Amino acid sequence: MNQEEFRKLDDYISPEEREHLLNGLHRYLIWVGERVPEEVLVNGEYIKLHELVWRCVHKNDLSDDEKNNIMGLVENLEIKTKLDEEILSRESLTREEAKRLYNEIASFIRAIMDLKECEAGRIKLMGESNEIRQKVNDARRWIGFLKNVSKKSPI
């Protein structure tokens, strides 16, 4: 085996690296910080996923038909995520391929979480309101209290 063939073999992930990536996918909040994919191929049709999530977040109410469509998409994304995870767990992959697949799975998980929250009505943008001003004022009072207490502290 020459040096180039050995280098090519060394580009593939080891069983330990594979296990590390798979365990990473099952960490709590893995999707935090991941970007929702711009588009995804589902049942032979490209869906502008990022745009769909954005519209969902900015829409006040969803019709039952829209909720059903979103949940259908969530099911398809979950299936795609499981298939990608199977590939990651069984296929011979280079480090670059494995990292790309890992990031794709994480971004799908992010999209799934956002769509579920949106469908349930729990994710909405907050506008300027008295509630926000009240929270800011509470935080200012709390900081003032902590500064006052620290000045009086004998330590």
C-alpha atoms as a PDB file:
ATOM      1  CA  MET A   1       0.000   0.000   0.000  1.00  0.00           C
ATOM      2  CA  ASN A   2       1.519   3.302  -1.033  1.00  0.00           C
ATOM      3  CA  GLN A   3       1.406   6.590   0.875  1.00  0.00           C
ATOM      4  CA  GLU A   4      -1.486   8.055  -1.186  1.00  0.00           C
ATOM      5  CA  GLU A   5      -3.721   4.990  -0.631  1.00  0.00           C
ATOM      6  CA  PHE A   6      -2.947   5.107   3.095  1.00  0.00           C
ATOM      7  CA  ARG A   7      -3.809   8.831   3.201  1.00  0.00           C
ATOM      8  CA  LYS A   8      -7.116   8.128   1.471  1.00  0.00           C
ATOM      9  CA  LEU A   9      -7.923   5.443   4.042  1.00  0.00           C
ATOM     10  CA  ASP A  10      -7.013   7.864   6.805  1.00  0.00           C
ATOM     11  CA  ASP A  11      -9.612  10.339   5.470  1.00  0.00           C
ATOM     12  CA  TYR A  12     -12.413   7.989   6.522  1.00  0.00           C
ATOM     13  CA  ILE A  13     -13.951   8.280   9.965  1.00  0.00           C
ATOM     14  CA  SER A  14     -12.989   5.759  12.579  1.00  0.00           C
ATOM     15  CA  PRO A  15     -15.555   3.815  14.622  1.00  0.00           C
ATOM     16  CA  GLU A  16     -14.796   6.101  17.572  1.00  0.00           C
ATOM     17  CA  GLU A  17     -15.388   9.239  15.493  1.00  0.00           C
ATOM     18  CA  ARG A  18     -18.596   7.746  14.151  1.00  0.00           C
ATOM     19  CA  GLU A  19     -19.792   6.994  17.675  1.00  0.00           C
ATOM     20  CA  HIS A  20     -18.890  10.515  18.790  1.00  0.00           C
ATOM     21  CA  LEU A  21     -20.949  12.044  15.959  1.00  0.00           C
ATOM     22  CA  LEU A  22     -23.917   9.764  16.625  1.00  0.00           C
ATOM     23  CA  ASN A  23     -23.849  10.540  20.337  1.00  0.00           C
ATOM     24  CA  GLY A  24     -23.646  14.231  19.520  1.00  0.00           C
ATOM     25  CA  LEU A  25     -26.880  14.002  17.556  1.00  0.00           C
ATOM     26  CA  HIS A  26     -28.699  12.810  20.668  1.00  0.00           C
ATOM     27  CA  ARG A  27     -27.488  15.599  22.928  1.00  0.00           C
ATOM     28  CA  TYR A  28     -30.085  17.840  24.429  1.00  0.00           C
ATOM     29  CA  LEU A  29     -30.473  21.086  22.443  1.00  0.00           C
ATOM     30  CA  ILE A  30     -28.213  20.001  19.591  1.00  0.00           C
ATOM     31  CA  TRP A  31     -30.310  22.123  17.257  1.00  0.00           C
ATOM     32  CA  VAL A  32     -29.550  25.393  19.054  1.00  0.00           C
ATOM     33  CA  GLY A  33     -27.479  27.614  16.799  1.00  0.00           C
ATOM     34  CA  GLU A  34     -28.112  25.546  13.699  1.00  0.00           C
ATOM     35  CA  ARG A  35     -29.614  27.237  10.653  1.00  0.00           C
ATOM     36  CA  VAL A  36     -32.791  25.964   9.088  1.00  0.00           C
ATOM     37  CA  PRO A  37     -31.934  24.697   5.583  1.00  0.00           C
ATOM     38  CA  GLU A  38     -32.946  27.039   2.767  1.00  0.00           C
ATOM     39  CA  GLU A  39     -34.747  24.235   0.969  1.00  0.00           C
ATOM     40  CA  VAL A  40     -35.245  20.512   1.215  1.00  0.00           C
ATOM     41  CA  LEU A  41     -36.319  17.813  -1.231  1.00  0.00           C
ATOM     42  CA  VAL A  42     -39.431  16.026   0.051  1.00  0.00           C
ATOM     43  CA  ASN A  43     -41.288  13.481  -2.079  1.00  0.00           C
ATOM     44  CA  GLY A  44     -39.611  14.762  -5.239  1.00  0.00           C
ATOM     45  CA  GLU A  45     -40.572  18.380  -4.533  1.00  0.00           C
ATOM     46  CA  TYR A  46     -38.299  21.161  -3.316  1.00  0.00           C
ATOM     47  CA  ILE A  47     -39.742  23.011  -0.345  1.00  0.00           C
ATOM     48  CA  LYS A  48     -38.330  26.373   0.711  1.00  0.00           C
ATOM     49  CA  LEU A  49     -38.015  25.345   4.327  1.00  0.00           C
ATOM     50  CA  HIS A  50     -36.374  28.476   5.731  1.00  0.00           C
ATOM     51  CA  GLU A  51     -39.024  30.671   4.125  1.00  0.00           C
ATOM     52  CA  LEU A  52     -41.810  28.400   5.405  1.00  0.00           C
ATOM     53  CA  VAL A  53     -40.543  28.598   8.990  1.00  0.00           C
ATOM     54  CA  TRP A  54     -40.160  32.373   8.678  1.00  0.00           C
ATOM     55  CA  ARG A  55     -43.753  32.762   7.406  1.00  0.00           C
ATOM     56  CA  CYS A  56     -45.030  30.486  10.142  1.00  0.00           C
ATOM     57  CA  VAL A  57     -43.326  32.539  12.836  1.00  0.00           C
ATOM     58  CA  HIS A  58     -44.720  35.795  11.446  1.00  0.00           C
ATOM     59  CA  LYS A  59     -48.266  34.560  10.949  1.00  0.00           C
ATOM     60  CA  ASN A  60     -50.753  35.158  13.765  1.00  0.00           C
ATOM     61  CA  ASP A  61     -52.963  32.109  13.279  1.00  0.00           C
ATOM     62  CA  LEU A  62     -52.625  28.951  11.237  1.00  0.00           C
ATOM     63  CA  SER A  63     -55.593  27.230   9.650  1.00  0.00           C
ATOM     64  CA  ASP A  64     -56.193  23.559  10.365  1.00  0.00           C
ATOM     65  CA  ASP A  65     -55.095  22.776   6.814  1.00  0.00           C
ATOM     66  CA  GLU A  66     -51.817  24.663   7.319  1.00  0.00           C
ATOM     67  CA  LYS A  67     -51.230  22.866  10.623  1.00  0.00           C
ATOM     68  CA  ASN A  68     -51.831  19.494   8.940  1.00  0.00           C
ATOM     69  CA  ASN A  69     -49.403  20.391   6.138  1.00  0.00           C
ATOM     70  CA  ILE A  70     -46.781  21.460   8.669  1.00  0.00           C
ATOM     71  CA  MET A  71     -47.147  18.247  10.652  1.00  0.00           C
ATOM     72  CA  GLY A  72     -46.906  16.224   7.430  1.00  0.00           C
ATOM     73  CA  LEU A  73     -43.686  18.035   6.618  1.00  0.00           C
ATOM     74  CA  VAL A  74     -42.418  17.379  10.146  1.00  0.00           C
ATOM     75  CA  GLU A  75     -43.063  13.649   9.670  1.00  0.00           C
ATOM     76  CA  ASN A  76     -41.167  13.691   6.356  1.00  0.00           C
ATOM     77  CA  LEU A  77     -38.259  15.558   7.922  1.00  0.00           C
ATOM     78  CA  GLU A  78     -38.159  13.078  10.813  1.00  0.00           C
ATOM     79  CA  ILE A  79     -38.009  10.194   8.326  1.00  0.00           C
ATOM     80  CA  LYS A  80     -35.244  11.958   6.373  1.00  0.00           C
ATOM     81  CA  THR A  81     -33.352  12.567   9.618  1.00  0.00           C
ATOM     82  CA  LYS A  82     -33.559   8.897  10.588  1.00  0.00           C
ATOM     83  CA  LEU A  83     -32.397   7.796   7.131  1.00  0.00           C
ATOM     84  CA  ASP A  84     -29.456  10.207   7.269  1.00  0.00           C
ATOM     85  CA  GLU A  85     -28.595   8.928  10.741  1.00  0.00           C
ATOM     86  CA  GLU A  86     -28.629   5.366   9.409  1.00  0.00           C
ATOM     87  CA  ILE A  87     -26.203   6.402   6.679  1.00  0.00           C
ATOM     88  CA  LEU A  88     -23.983   8.053   9.281  1.00  0.00           C
ATOM     89  CA  SER A  89     -24.043   4.938  11.449  1.00  0.00           C
ATOM     90  CA  ARG A  90     -23.373   2.361   8.721  1.00  0.00           C
ATOM     91  CA  GLU A  91     -21.784   3.804   5.590  1.00  0.00           C
ATOM     92  CA  SER A  92     -18.093   4.256   4.972  1.00  0.00           C
ATOM     93  CA  LEU A  93     -17.750   8.044   5.024  1.00  0.00           C
ATOM     94  CA  THR A  94     -14.909  10.500   4.822  1.00  0.00           C
ATOM     95  CA  ARG A  95     -14.608  13.018   7.624  1.00  0.00           C
ATOM     96  CA  GLU A  96     -15.920  15.732   5.322  1.00  0.00           C
ATOM     97  CA  GLU A  97     -18.951  13.644   4.295  1.00  0.00           C
ATOM     98  CA  ALA A  98     -19.665  12.682   7.894  1.00  0.00           C
ATOM     99  CA  LYS A  99     -19.456  16.287   9.114  1.00  0.00           C
ATOM    100  CA  ARG A 100     -21.720  17.473   6.286  1.00  0.00           C
ATOM    101  CA  LEU A 101     -24.248  14.758   7.112  1.00  0.00           C
ATOM    102  CA  TYR A 102     -24.043  15.561  10.838  1.00  0.00           C
ATOM    103  CA  ASN A 103     -24.726  19.250  10.145  1.00  0.00           C
ATOM    104  CA  GLU A 104     -27.589  18.370   7.796  1.00  0.00           C
ATOM    105  CA  ILE A 105     -29.214  16.197  10.456  1.00  0.00           C
ATOM    106  CA  ALA A 106     -28.797  18.904  13.098  1.00  0.00           C
ATOM    107  CA  SER A 107     -30.330  21.522  10.788  1.00  0.00           C
ATOM    108  CA  PHE A 108     -33.286  19.218  10.088  1.00  0.00           C
ATOM    109  CA  ILE A 109     -33.750  18.765  13.832  1.00  0.00           C
ATOM    110  CA  ARG A 110     -33.768  22.571  14.151  1.00  0.00           C
ATOM    111  CA  ALA A 111     -36.419  22.852  11.429  1.00  0.00           C
ATOM    112  CA  ILE A 112     -38.506  20.110  13.067  1.00  0.00           C
ATOM    113  CA  MET A 113     -38.361  21.841  16.445  1.00  0.00           C
ATOM    114  CA  ASP A 114     -39.270  25.233  14.957  1.00  0.00           C
ATOM    115  CA  LEU A 115     -42.146  23.799  12.938  1.00  0.00           C
ATOM    116  CA  LYS A 116     -43.544  21.929  15.938  1.00  0.00           C
ATOM    117  CA  GLU A 117     -43.372  25.053  18.085  1.00  0.00           C
ATOM    118  CA  CYS A 118     -44.938  27.122  15.336  1.00  0.00           C
ATOM    119  CA  GLU A 119     -47.763  24.626  14.767  1.00  0.00           C
ATOM    120  CA  ALA A 120     -48.473  24.562  18.476  1.00  0.00           C
ATOM    121  CA  GLY A 121     -48.625  28.366  18.503  1.00  0.00           C
ATOM    122  CA  ARG A 122     -45.801  28.708  21.021  1.00  0.00           C
ATOM    123  CA  ILE A 123     -43.373  30.589  18.798  1.00  0.00           C
ATOM    124  CA  LYS A 124     -44.308  34.133  17.919  1.00  0.00           C
ATOM    125  CA  LEU A 125     -42.309  37.283  17.514  1.00  0.00           C
ATOM    126  CA  MET A 126     -42.661  39.732  20.349  1.00  0.00           C
ATOM    127  CA  GLY A 127     -43.391  43.308  19.455  1.00  0.00           C
ATOM    128  CA  GLU A 128     -42.887  46.472  21.449  1.00  0.00           C
ATOM    129  CA  SER A 129     -45.175  46.184  24.434  1.00  0.00           C
ATOM    130  CA  ASN A 130     -45.589  47.078  28.058  1.00  0.00           C
ATOM    131  CA  GLU A 131     -44.492  43.556  28.993  1.00  0.00           C
ATOM    132  CA  ILE A 132     -41.044  44.117  27.466  1.00  0.00           C
ATOM    133  CA  ARG A 133     -40.688  47.517  29.137  1.00  0.00           C
ATOM    134  CA  GLN A 134     -41.690  45.960  32.460  1.00  0.00           C
ATOM    135  CA  LYS A 135     -39.033  43.259  32.123  1.00  0.00           C
ATOM    136  CA  VAL A 136     -36.366  45.866  31.310  1.00  0.00           C
ATOM    137  CA  ASN A 137     -37.407  47.959  34.302  1.00  0.00           C
ATOM    138  CA  ASP A 138     -37.367  44.879  36.561  1.00  0.00           C
ATOM    139  CA  ALA A 139     -33.868  44.020  35.346  1.00  0.00           C
ATOM    140  CA  ARG A 140     -32.675  47.587  36.005  1.00  0.00           C
ATOM    141  CA  ARG A 141     -34.100  47.547  39.523  1.00  0.00           C
ATOM    142  CA  TRP A 142     -32.487  44.156  40.183  1.00  0.00           C
ATOM    143  CA  ILE A 143     -29.080  45.404  38.980  1.00  0.00           C
ATOM    144  CA  GLY A 144     -29.465  48.515  41.127  1.00  0.00           C
ATOM    145  CA  PHE A 145     -30.306  46.362  44.131  1.00  0.00           C
ATOM    146  CA  LEU A 146     -27.260  44.138  43.564  1.00  0.00           C
ATOM    147  CA  LYS A 147     -24.973  47.180  43.219  1.00  0.00           C
ATOM    148  CA  ASN A 148     -26.413  48.643  46.430  1.00  0.00           C
ATOM    149  CA  VAL A 149     -25.977  45.386  48.348  1.00  0.00           C
ATOM    150  CA  SER A 150     -22.388  44.947  47.112  1.00  0.00           C
ATOM    151  CA  LYS A 151     -21.484  48.470  48.325  1.00  0.00           C
ATOM    152  CA  LYS A 152     -22.754  47.646  51.807  1.00  0.00           C
ATOM    153  CA  SER A 153     -21.013  44.285  51.929  1.00  0.00           C
ATOM    154  CA  PRO A 154     -18.104  44.154  54.417  1.00  0.00           C
ATOM    155  CA  ILE A 155     -16.165  41.786  52.107  1.00  0.00           C
END
